[in-house]
């Protein structure tokens, strides 16, 4: 289920370089470095679920850039070459811009030319007056499609209780 910089570079306008089995990095036209990848999420599913992340390594503001969208789409597409892959996305809350990130993520998905082959389900929860946005994406032909969706809804709904248990 590893991603491949070689395969990604066939369609990516930015040259990506392999960081490890599940992540790559690249520099956009504004000189901002990004790391993009997938981390196992054993809390949601024992196997096959990965949290998707995009990290602005330099923490610099970068203007809107269509080539970013195309590059990230190529990375995600490579990830989904495996029909059993499940991608989870939690919007970062560190600067209180999670709603904007959630909207951007939805725009990216809705304009992705191959989105008819995928299912995306969204949830949000409020914990201590902070709204957390989460999404799960999987191929429509995933062998456990309906079970994954039901598990995602259950998983997100139990997060507040799990956090309370950790704090106790």
N, C-alpha and C. Protein backbone atom coordinates (compact mmCIF):
# COMPACT_ATOMS: atom_id res chain seq x y z
N UNK A 1 0.80 -1.19 0.00
CA UNK A 1 0.00 0.00 0.00
C UNK A 1 0.86 1.27 0.00
N UNK A 2 2.14 1.14 -0.16
CA UNK A 2 3.03 2.29 -0.17
C UNK A 2 2.74 3.19 -1.35
N UNK A 3 3.02 4.49 -1.17
CA UNK A 3 2.90 5.41 -2.30
C UNK A 3 4.25 5.51 -2.98
N UNK A 4 4.25 5.92 -4.25
CA UNK A 4 5.46 5.92 -5.04
C UNK A 4 5.67 7.27 -5.71
N UNK A 5 6.77 7.94 -5.38
CA UNK A 5 7.10 9.21 -6.02
C UNK A 5 7.23 9.03 -7.53
N UNK A 6 7.75 7.91 -7.94
CA UNK A 6 7.91 7.66 -9.38
C UNK A 6 6.55 7.69 -10.08
N UNK A 7 5.57 6.99 -9.53
CA UNK A 7 4.23 6.98 -10.13
C UNK A 7 3.57 8.36 -10.03
N UNK A 8 3.71 9.00 -8.89
CA UNK A 8 3.09 10.31 -8.68
C UNK A 8 3.63 11.33 -9.67
N UNK A 9 4.94 11.27 -9.93
CA UNK A 9 5.57 12.25 -10.83
C UNK A 9 5.11 12.12 -12.28
N UNK A 10 4.43 11.04 -12.62
CA UNK A 10 3.90 10.90 -13.99
C UNK A 10 2.81 11.92 -14.28
N UNK A 11 2.09 12.37 -13.24
CA UNK A 11 1.00 13.32 -13.44
C UNK A 11 1.13 14.60 -12.61
N UNK A 12 2.09 14.65 -11.73
CA UNK A 12 2.24 15.81 -10.84
C UNK A 12 3.06 16.92 -11.49
N UNK A 13 2.57 18.16 -11.45
CA UNK A 13 3.35 19.26 -12.00
C UNK A 13 4.58 19.59 -11.15
N UNK A 14 4.49 19.33 -9.85
CA UNK A 14 5.65 19.52 -8.98
C UNK A 14 6.35 18.19 -8.81
N UNK A 15 7.66 18.22 -8.83
CA UNK A 15 8.42 16.99 -8.61
C UNK A 15 8.35 16.62 -7.13
N UNK A 16 7.83 15.44 -6.87
CA UNK A 16 7.79 14.95 -5.49
C UNK A 16 8.95 14.00 -5.26
N UNK A 17 9.43 14.00 -4.05
CA UNK A 17 10.51 13.10 -3.66
C UNK A 17 10.03 12.24 -2.50
N UNK A 18 10.45 11.00 -2.54
CA UNK A 18 10.02 10.04 -1.53
C UNK A 18 10.69 10.39 -0.19
N UNK A 19 9.90 10.46 0.86
CA UNK A 19 10.44 10.66 2.21
C UNK A 19 10.52 9.30 2.91
N UNK A 20 9.44 8.55 2.83
CA UNK A 20 9.42 7.18 3.34
C UNK A 20 8.29 6.44 2.61
N UNK A 21 7.97 5.29 3.07
CA UNK A 21 6.99 4.45 2.39
C UNK A 21 5.63 5.12 2.19
N UNK A 22 5.24 5.98 3.12
CA UNK A 22 3.91 6.57 3.08
C UNK A 22 3.91 8.09 2.95
N UNK A 23 5.05 8.70 2.63
CA UNK A 23 5.06 10.15 2.51
C UNK A 23 6.05 10.63 1.46
N UNK A 24 5.74 11.81 0.93
CA UNK A 24 6.57 12.47 -0.07
C UNK A 24 6.69 13.94 0.32
N UNK A 25 7.59 14.64 -0.34
CA UNK A 25 7.68 16.08 -0.13
C UNK A 25 7.95 16.76 -1.46
N UNK A 26 7.63 18.04 -1.53
CA UNK A 26 7.85 18.82 -2.73
C UNK A 26 7.93 20.30 -2.37
N UNK A 27 8.38 21.10 -3.33
CA UNK A 27 8.47 22.56 -3.17
C UNK A 27 7.57 23.18 -4.23
N UNK A 28 6.68 24.08 -3.82
CA UNK A 28 5.79 24.71 -4.81
C UNK A 28 6.50 25.88 -5.48
N UNK A 29 5.82 26.54 -6.42
CA UNK A 29 6.44 27.60 -7.21
C UNK A 29 6.76 28.84 -6.38
N UNK A 30 6.24 28.91 -5.17
CA UNK A 30 6.54 30.03 -4.28
C UNK A 30 7.67 29.70 -3.31
N UNK A 31 8.27 28.52 -3.50
CA UNK A 31 9.39 28.11 -2.67
C UNK A 31 9.01 27.53 -1.32
N UNK A 32 7.73 27.24 -1.12
CA UNK A 32 7.26 26.68 0.14
C UNK A 32 7.35 25.16 0.07
N UNK A 33 7.95 24.57 1.09
CA UNK A 33 8.12 23.11 1.14
C UNK A 33 6.93 22.47 1.84
N UNK A 34 6.47 21.36 1.25
CA UNK A 34 5.34 20.61 1.80
C UNK A 34 5.71 19.15 1.97
N UNK A 35 5.18 18.57 3.03
CA UNK A 35 5.24 17.13 3.24
C UNK A 35 3.80 16.64 3.18
N UNK A 36 3.58 15.58 2.41
CA UNK A 36 2.24 15.03 2.26
C UNK A 36 2.35 13.53 2.47
N UNK A 37 1.45 12.98 3.25
CA UNK A 37 1.54 11.55 3.47
C UNK A 37 0.36 10.97 4.22
N UNK A 38 0.58 9.76 4.64
CA UNK A 38 -0.46 8.95 5.27
C UNK A 38 0.14 8.25 6.48
N UNK A 39 -0.53 8.33 7.62
CA UNK A 39 -0.08 7.68 8.84
C UNK A 39 -1.13 6.64 9.24
N UNK A 40 -0.67 5.44 9.58
CA UNK A 40 -1.60 4.39 10.03
C UNK A 40 -2.49 4.93 11.14
N UNK A 41 -3.75 4.59 11.07
CA UNK A 41 -4.68 4.96 12.13
C UNK A 41 -5.27 3.68 12.71
N UNK A 42 -4.61 3.17 13.71
CA UNK A 42 -5.05 1.92 14.34
C UNK A 42 -6.22 2.14 15.28
N UNK A 43 -6.52 3.40 15.63
CA UNK A 43 -7.66 3.67 16.51
C UNK A 43 -8.98 3.48 15.77
N UNK A 44 -8.97 3.78 14.49
CA UNK A 44 -10.20 3.66 13.70
C UNK A 44 -10.39 2.24 13.20
N UNK A 45 -9.37 1.70 12.55
CA UNK A 45 -9.43 0.34 12.03
C UNK A 45 -8.09 -0.34 12.30
N UNK A 46 -8.12 -1.64 12.53
CA UNK A 46 -6.87 -2.35 12.79
C UNK A 46 -5.94 -2.34 11.60
N UNK A 47 -6.51 -2.41 10.39
CA UNK A 47 -5.69 -2.41 9.18
C UNK A 47 -6.37 -1.59 8.09
N UNK A 48 -5.56 -0.95 7.26
CA UNK A 48 -6.06 -0.31 6.06
C UNK A 48 -6.50 1.13 6.17
N UNK A 49 -6.56 1.70 7.38
CA UNK A 49 -6.97 3.09 7.54
C UNK A 49 -5.75 3.97 7.79
N UNK A 50 -5.73 5.10 7.11
CA UNK A 50 -4.60 6.01 7.21
C UNK A 50 -5.11 7.44 7.35
N UNK A 51 -4.50 8.18 8.25
CA UNK A 51 -4.80 9.60 8.35
C UNK A 51 -3.96 10.33 7.31
N UNK A 52 -4.60 11.17 6.56
CA UNK A 52 -3.96 11.97 5.51
C UNK A 52 -3.49 13.28 6.13
N UNK A 53 -2.29 13.71 5.75
CA UNK A 53 -1.82 15.00 6.25
C UNK A 53 -1.08 15.76 5.16
N UNK A 54 -1.18 17.07 5.26
CA UNK A 54 -0.42 18.00 4.43
C UNK A 54 0.24 18.95 5.41
N UNK A 55 1.56 19.01 5.38
CA UNK A 55 2.28 19.88 6.30
C UNK A 55 3.07 20.92 5.53
N UNK A 56 2.83 22.16 5.85
CA UNK A 56 3.62 23.27 5.31
C UNK A 56 4.87 23.33 6.19
N UNK A 57 5.95 22.74 5.71
CA UNK A 57 7.17 22.59 6.50
C UNK A 57 7.71 23.95 6.95
N UNK A 58 7.67 24.94 6.07
CA UNK A 58 8.21 26.26 6.37
C UNK A 58 7.25 27.14 7.16
N UNK A 59 6.00 26.69 7.27
CA UNK A 59 4.96 27.46 7.96
C UNK A 59 4.83 28.87 7.36
N UNK A 60 4.96 28.94 6.03
CA UNK A 60 4.82 30.21 5.31
C UNK A 60 3.48 30.23 4.59
N UNK A 61 2.92 31.40 4.45
CA UNK A 61 1.71 31.55 3.67
C UNK A 61 2.06 31.39 2.20
N UNK A 62 1.22 30.67 1.50
CA UNK A 62 1.44 30.45 0.07
C UNK A 62 0.16 30.81 -0.66
N UNK A 63 0.24 31.66 -1.69
CA UNK A 63 -0.98 32.01 -2.45
C UNK A 63 -1.62 30.77 -3.07
N UNK A 64 -2.88 30.93 -3.47
CA UNK A 64 -3.59 29.84 -4.15
C UNK A 64 -2.76 29.37 -5.34
N UNK A 65 -2.75 28.06 -5.54
CA UNK A 65 -1.85 27.47 -6.53
C UNK A 65 -2.50 26.22 -7.10
N UNK A 66 -2.97 26.29 -8.34
CA UNK A 66 -3.64 25.15 -8.96
C UNK A 66 -2.73 23.92 -9.01
N UNK A 67 -1.42 24.13 -9.16
CA UNK A 67 -0.49 23.00 -9.21
C UNK A 67 -0.40 22.26 -7.88
N UNK A 68 -0.72 22.94 -6.78
CA UNK A 68 -0.79 22.25 -5.47
C UNK A 68 -1.92 21.23 -5.52
N UNK A 69 -3.08 21.67 -6.00
CA UNK A 69 -4.24 20.79 -6.10
C UNK A 69 -3.92 19.58 -6.97
N UNK A 70 -3.29 19.81 -8.11
CA UNK A 70 -2.98 18.71 -9.03
C UNK A 70 -1.97 17.76 -8.40
N UNK A 71 -0.97 18.30 -7.71
CA UNK A 71 0.05 17.47 -7.06
C UNK A 71 -0.56 16.63 -5.94
N UNK A 72 -1.36 17.25 -5.10
CA UNK A 72 -1.97 16.52 -3.99
C UNK A 72 -2.96 15.49 -4.52
N UNK A 73 -3.67 15.82 -5.59
CA UNK A 73 -4.58 14.84 -6.21
C UNK A 73 -3.81 13.64 -6.72
N UNK A 74 -2.64 13.87 -7.32
CA UNK A 74 -1.81 12.76 -7.81
C UNK A 74 -1.35 11.87 -6.66
N UNK A 75 -1.02 12.48 -5.53
CA UNK A 75 -0.58 11.72 -4.36
C UNK A 75 -1.72 10.86 -3.83
N UNK A 76 -2.90 11.47 -3.70
CA UNK A 76 -4.06 10.75 -3.18
C UNK A 76 -4.47 9.64 -4.15
N UNK A 77 -4.43 9.93 -5.43
CA UNK A 77 -4.78 8.91 -6.42
C UNK A 77 -3.85 7.70 -6.32
N UNK A 78 -2.56 7.95 -6.13
CA UNK A 78 -1.62 6.85 -5.99
C UNK A 78 -1.95 6.02 -4.75
N UNK A 79 -2.31 6.69 -3.68
CA UNK A 79 -2.69 6.00 -2.44
C UNK A 79 -3.88 5.07 -2.70
N UNK A 80 -4.84 5.55 -3.47
CA UNK A 80 -6.05 4.77 -3.72
C UNK A 80 -5.91 3.74 -4.84
N UNK A 81 -4.70 3.51 -5.30
CA UNK A 81 -4.49 2.42 -6.26
C UNK A 81 -4.87 1.10 -5.60
N UNK A 82 -4.79 1.05 -4.27
CA UNK A 82 -5.20 -0.13 -3.51
C UNK A 82 -6.69 0.03 -3.19
N UNK A 83 -7.51 -0.89 -3.66
CA UNK A 83 -8.96 -0.79 -3.47
C UNK A 83 -9.38 -0.85 -2.01
N UNK A 84 -8.54 -1.36 -1.13
CA UNK A 84 -8.93 -1.47 0.27
C UNK A 84 -8.42 -0.32 1.13
N UNK A 85 -7.84 0.70 0.51
CA UNK A 85 -7.34 1.84 1.25
C UNK A 85 -8.50 2.68 1.80
N UNK A 86 -8.31 3.19 3.00
CA UNK A 86 -9.27 4.08 3.64
C UNK A 86 -8.50 5.29 4.13
N UNK A 87 -8.95 6.48 3.74
CA UNK A 87 -8.27 7.71 4.12
C UNK A 87 -9.14 8.51 5.08
N UNK A 88 -8.55 8.91 6.17
CA UNK A 88 -9.24 9.73 7.17
C UNK A 88 -8.54 11.09 7.20
N UNK A 89 -9.33 12.13 7.31
CA UNK A 89 -8.76 13.47 7.36
C UNK A 89 -9.39 14.24 8.51
N UNK A 90 -8.56 14.74 9.43
CA UNK A 90 -8.99 15.61 10.51
C UNK A 90 -8.39 16.99 10.24
N UNK A 91 -9.22 18.01 10.22
CA UNK A 91 -8.71 19.35 9.96
C UNK A 91 -7.95 19.87 11.18
N UNK A 92 -6.77 20.41 10.93
CA UNK A 92 -5.91 20.97 11.97
C UNK A 92 -6.63 22.14 12.65
N UNK A 93 -6.57 22.18 13.98
CA UNK A 93 -7.27 23.22 14.74
C UNK A 93 -6.33 24.24 15.37
N UNK A 94 -5.03 24.12 15.13
CA UNK A 94 -4.05 24.93 15.88
C UNK A 94 -4.23 26.43 15.73
N UNK A 95 -4.74 26.91 14.60
CA UNK A 95 -4.91 28.35 14.40
C UNK A 95 -6.38 28.74 14.24
N UNK A 96 -7.28 27.87 14.65
CA UNK A 96 -8.73 28.09 14.57
C UNK A 96 -9.23 28.28 13.14
N UNK A 97 -8.52 27.73 12.15
CA UNK A 97 -8.92 27.84 10.75
C UNK A 97 -9.41 26.50 10.21
N UNK A 98 -9.89 25.63 11.10
CA UNK A 98 -10.30 24.30 10.67
C UNK A 98 -11.52 24.33 9.75
N UNK A 99 -12.44 25.28 9.94
CA UNK A 99 -13.61 25.36 9.06
C UNK A 99 -13.18 25.72 7.64
N UNK A 100 -12.21 26.62 7.51
CA UNK A 100 -11.69 26.98 6.20
C UNK A 100 -11.01 25.78 5.55
N UNK A 101 -10.23 25.02 6.32
CA UNK A 101 -9.57 23.83 5.79
C UNK A 101 -10.60 22.80 5.34
N UNK A 102 -11.66 22.66 6.12
CA UNK A 102 -12.72 21.71 5.77
C UNK A 102 -13.37 22.12 4.45
N UNK A 103 -13.68 23.41 4.28
CA UNK A 103 -14.27 23.88 3.02
C UNK A 103 -13.32 23.63 1.85
N UNK A 104 -12.04 23.93 2.03
CA UNK A 104 -11.06 23.72 0.96
C UNK A 104 -10.97 22.24 0.59
N UNK A 105 -10.97 21.38 1.61
CA UNK A 105 -10.91 19.94 1.37
C UNK A 105 -12.13 19.48 0.56
N UNK A 106 -13.31 20.01 0.88
CA UNK A 106 -14.54 19.66 0.15
C UNK A 106 -14.50 20.19 -1.29
N UNK A 107 -13.96 21.38 -1.47
CA UNK A 107 -13.82 21.92 -2.83
C UNK A 107 -12.89 21.05 -3.64
N UNK A 108 -11.76 20.67 -3.05
CA UNK A 108 -10.82 19.81 -3.76
C UNK A 108 -11.50 18.51 -4.17
N UNK A 109 -12.21 17.91 -3.24
CA UNK A 109 -12.86 16.64 -3.55
C UNK A 109 -13.93 16.81 -4.63
N UNK A 110 -14.75 17.84 -4.53
CA UNK A 110 -15.84 18.02 -5.49
C UNK A 110 -15.34 18.35 -6.89
N UNK A 111 -14.16 18.95 -7.01
CA UNK A 111 -13.63 19.28 -8.33
C UNK A 111 -12.67 18.21 -8.86
N UNK A 112 -12.38 17.21 -8.05
CA UNK A 112 -11.49 16.13 -8.47
C UNK A 112 -12.20 15.35 -9.58
N UNK A 113 -11.54 15.25 -10.73
CA UNK A 113 -12.20 14.67 -11.92
C UNK A 113 -12.61 13.21 -11.75
N UNK A 114 -11.99 12.50 -10.84
CA UNK A 114 -12.26 11.07 -10.67
C UNK A 114 -13.11 10.81 -9.43
N UNK A 115 -13.75 11.83 -8.87
CA UNK A 115 -14.45 11.65 -7.60
C UNK A 115 -15.66 10.72 -7.68
N UNK A 116 -16.17 10.43 -8.88
CA UNK A 116 -17.32 9.53 -9.00
C UNK A 116 -16.98 8.10 -8.56
N UNK A 117 -15.71 7.79 -8.45
CA UNK A 117 -15.29 6.45 -8.03
C UNK A 117 -15.09 6.34 -6.52
N UNK A 118 -15.33 7.45 -5.81
CA UNK A 118 -15.06 7.49 -4.38
C UNK A 118 -16.27 7.93 -3.59
N UNK A 119 -16.30 7.52 -2.34
CA UNK A 119 -17.30 7.99 -1.39
C UNK A 119 -16.59 8.82 -0.34
N UNK A 120 -17.19 9.94 0.02
CA UNK A 120 -16.64 10.79 1.07
C UNK A 120 -17.75 11.06 2.07
N UNK A 121 -17.45 10.84 3.35
CA UNK A 121 -18.41 11.08 4.41
C UNK A 121 -17.76 11.98 5.45
N UNK A 122 -18.57 12.90 5.98
CA UNK A 122 -18.04 13.94 6.86
C UNK A 122 -18.77 13.94 8.19
N UNK A 123 -18.03 14.31 9.20
CA UNK A 123 -18.57 14.46 10.55
C UNK A 123 -17.93 15.68 11.18
N UNK A 124 -18.58 16.21 12.17
CA UNK A 124 -17.94 17.22 13.01
C UNK A 124 -18.44 17.02 14.43
N UNK A 125 -17.57 17.33 15.33
CA UNK A 125 -17.91 17.22 16.75
C UNK A 125 -17.37 18.46 17.45
N UNK A 126 -17.98 18.80 18.57
CA UNK A 126 -17.53 19.94 19.36
C UNK A 126 -17.05 19.42 20.71
N UNK A 127 -15.83 19.79 21.03
CA UNK A 127 -15.23 19.43 22.32
C UNK A 127 -14.65 20.69 22.91
N UNK A 128 -15.08 21.05 24.11
CA UNK A 128 -14.60 22.27 24.77
C UNK A 128 -14.69 23.49 23.86
N UNK A 129 -15.83 23.64 23.20
CA UNK A 129 -16.12 24.78 22.31
C UNK A 129 -15.24 24.85 21.07
N UNK A 130 -14.56 23.77 20.75
CA UNK A 130 -13.76 23.70 19.52
C UNK A 130 -14.45 22.70 18.60
N UNK A 131 -14.69 23.13 17.35
CA UNK A 131 -15.32 22.24 16.38
C UNK A 131 -14.22 21.50 15.62
N UNK A 132 -14.34 20.18 15.61
CA UNK A 132 -13.39 19.32 14.89
C UNK A 132 -14.11 18.75 13.67
N UNK A 133 -13.47 18.89 12.50
CA UNK A 133 -14.03 18.38 11.25
C UNK A 133 -13.24 17.14 10.85
N UNK A 134 -13.96 16.11 10.45
CA UNK A 134 -13.32 14.87 10.03
C UNK A 134 -14.04 14.33 8.80
N UNK A 135 -13.27 13.68 7.95
CA UNK A 135 -13.82 13.05 6.75
C UNK A 135 -13.17 11.70 6.54
N UNK A 136 -13.91 10.82 5.90
CA UNK A 136 -13.36 9.54 5.47
C UNK A 136 -13.64 9.41 3.98
N UNK A 137 -12.64 8.94 3.24
CA UNK A 137 -12.78 8.71 1.81
C UNK A 137 -12.34 7.29 1.52
N UNK A 138 -13.12 6.62 0.68
CA UNK A 138 -12.76 5.28 0.25
C UNK A 138 -13.35 5.04 -1.13
N UNK A 139 -12.78 4.07 -1.81
CA UNK A 139 -13.30 3.73 -3.13
C UNK A 139 -14.69 3.12 -2.99
N UNK A 140 -15.53 3.38 -3.98
CA UNK A 140 -16.88 2.82 -3.94
C UNK A 140 -16.86 1.30 -4.05
N UNK A 141 -15.79 0.75 -4.62
CA UNK A 141 -15.70 -0.70 -4.74
C UNK A 141 -14.94 -1.35 -3.57
N UNK A 142 -14.73 -0.59 -2.50
CA UNK A 142 -14.08 -1.16 -1.31
C UNK A 142 -14.93 -2.34 -0.83
N UNK A 143 -14.30 -3.48 -0.55
CA UNK A 143 -15.08 -4.67 -0.18
C UNK A 143 -15.90 -4.52 1.10
N UNK A 144 -15.53 -3.59 1.97
CA UNK A 144 -16.27 -3.37 3.21
C UNK A 144 -16.84 -1.95 3.27
N UNK A 145 -17.23 -1.43 2.14
CA UNK A 145 -17.66 -0.04 2.00
C UNK A 145 -18.65 0.39 3.10
N UNK A 146 -19.78 -0.26 3.21
CA UNK A 146 -20.81 0.14 4.17
C UNK A 146 -20.36 -0.02 5.61
N UNK A 147 -19.58 -1.05 5.89
CA UNK A 147 -19.08 -1.27 7.24
C UNK A 147 -18.10 -0.17 7.65
N UNK A 148 -17.25 0.26 6.71
CA UNK A 148 -16.28 1.32 7.01
C UNK A 148 -17.02 2.62 7.33
N UNK A 149 -18.03 2.93 6.56
CA UNK A 149 -18.79 4.16 6.79
C UNK A 149 -19.47 4.13 8.15
N UNK A 150 -20.12 3.02 8.48
CA UNK A 150 -20.77 2.90 9.78
C UNK A 150 -19.74 2.99 10.91
N UNK A 151 -18.59 2.38 10.72
CA UNK A 151 -17.53 2.44 11.73
C UNK A 151 -17.01 3.86 11.91
N UNK A 152 -16.91 4.59 10.82
CA UNK A 152 -16.43 5.98 10.90
C UNK A 152 -17.39 6.82 11.73
N UNK A 153 -18.69 6.71 11.47
CA UNK A 153 -19.67 7.48 12.24
C UNK A 153 -19.60 7.11 13.72
N UNK A 154 -19.49 5.81 14.02
CA UNK A 154 -19.37 5.36 15.41
C UNK A 154 -18.08 5.87 16.04
N UNK A 155 -16.98 5.79 15.29
CA UNK A 155 -15.67 6.21 15.78
C UNK A 155 -15.68 7.69 16.17
N UNK A 156 -16.18 8.53 15.28
CA UNK A 156 -16.18 9.97 15.55
C UNK A 156 -17.09 10.30 16.73
N UNK A 157 -18.21 9.63 16.83
CA UNK A 157 -19.14 9.92 17.92
C UNK A 157 -18.59 9.53 19.29
N UNK A 158 -17.63 8.61 19.32
CA UNK A 158 -17.06 8.19 20.61
C UNK A 158 -15.81 8.97 21.01
N UNK A 159 -15.32 9.84 20.14
CA UNK A 159 -14.09 10.59 20.45
C UNK A 159 -14.21 11.41 21.74
N UNK A 160 -15.30 12.16 21.97
CA UNK A 160 -15.39 12.92 23.23
C UNK A 160 -15.28 12.03 24.47
N UNK A 161 -15.94 10.87 24.45
CA UNK A 161 -15.87 9.96 25.59
C UNK A 161 -14.45 9.43 25.79
N UNK A 162 -13.78 9.11 24.69
CA UNK A 162 -12.41 8.62 24.80
C UNK A 162 -11.48 9.68 25.36
N UNK A 163 -11.67 10.93 24.95
CA UNK A 163 -10.85 12.01 25.49
C UNK A 163 -11.10 12.21 26.98
N UNK A 164 -12.37 12.13 27.38
CA UNK A 164 -12.70 12.26 28.81
C UNK A 164 -12.04 11.16 29.62
N UNK A 165 -12.02 9.94 29.09
CA UNK A 165 -11.38 8.82 29.79
C UNK A 165 -9.88 9.05 29.94
N UNK A 166 -9.24 9.61 28.90
CA UNK A 166 -7.81 9.88 28.96
C UNK A 166 -7.49 10.97 29.98
N UNK A 167 -8.39 11.94 30.12
CA UNK A 167 -8.15 13.06 31.04
C UNK A 167 -8.46 12.69 32.48
N UNK A 168 -9.20 11.59 32.69
CA UNK A 168 -9.57 11.17 34.06
C UNK A 168 -8.43 10.49 34.76
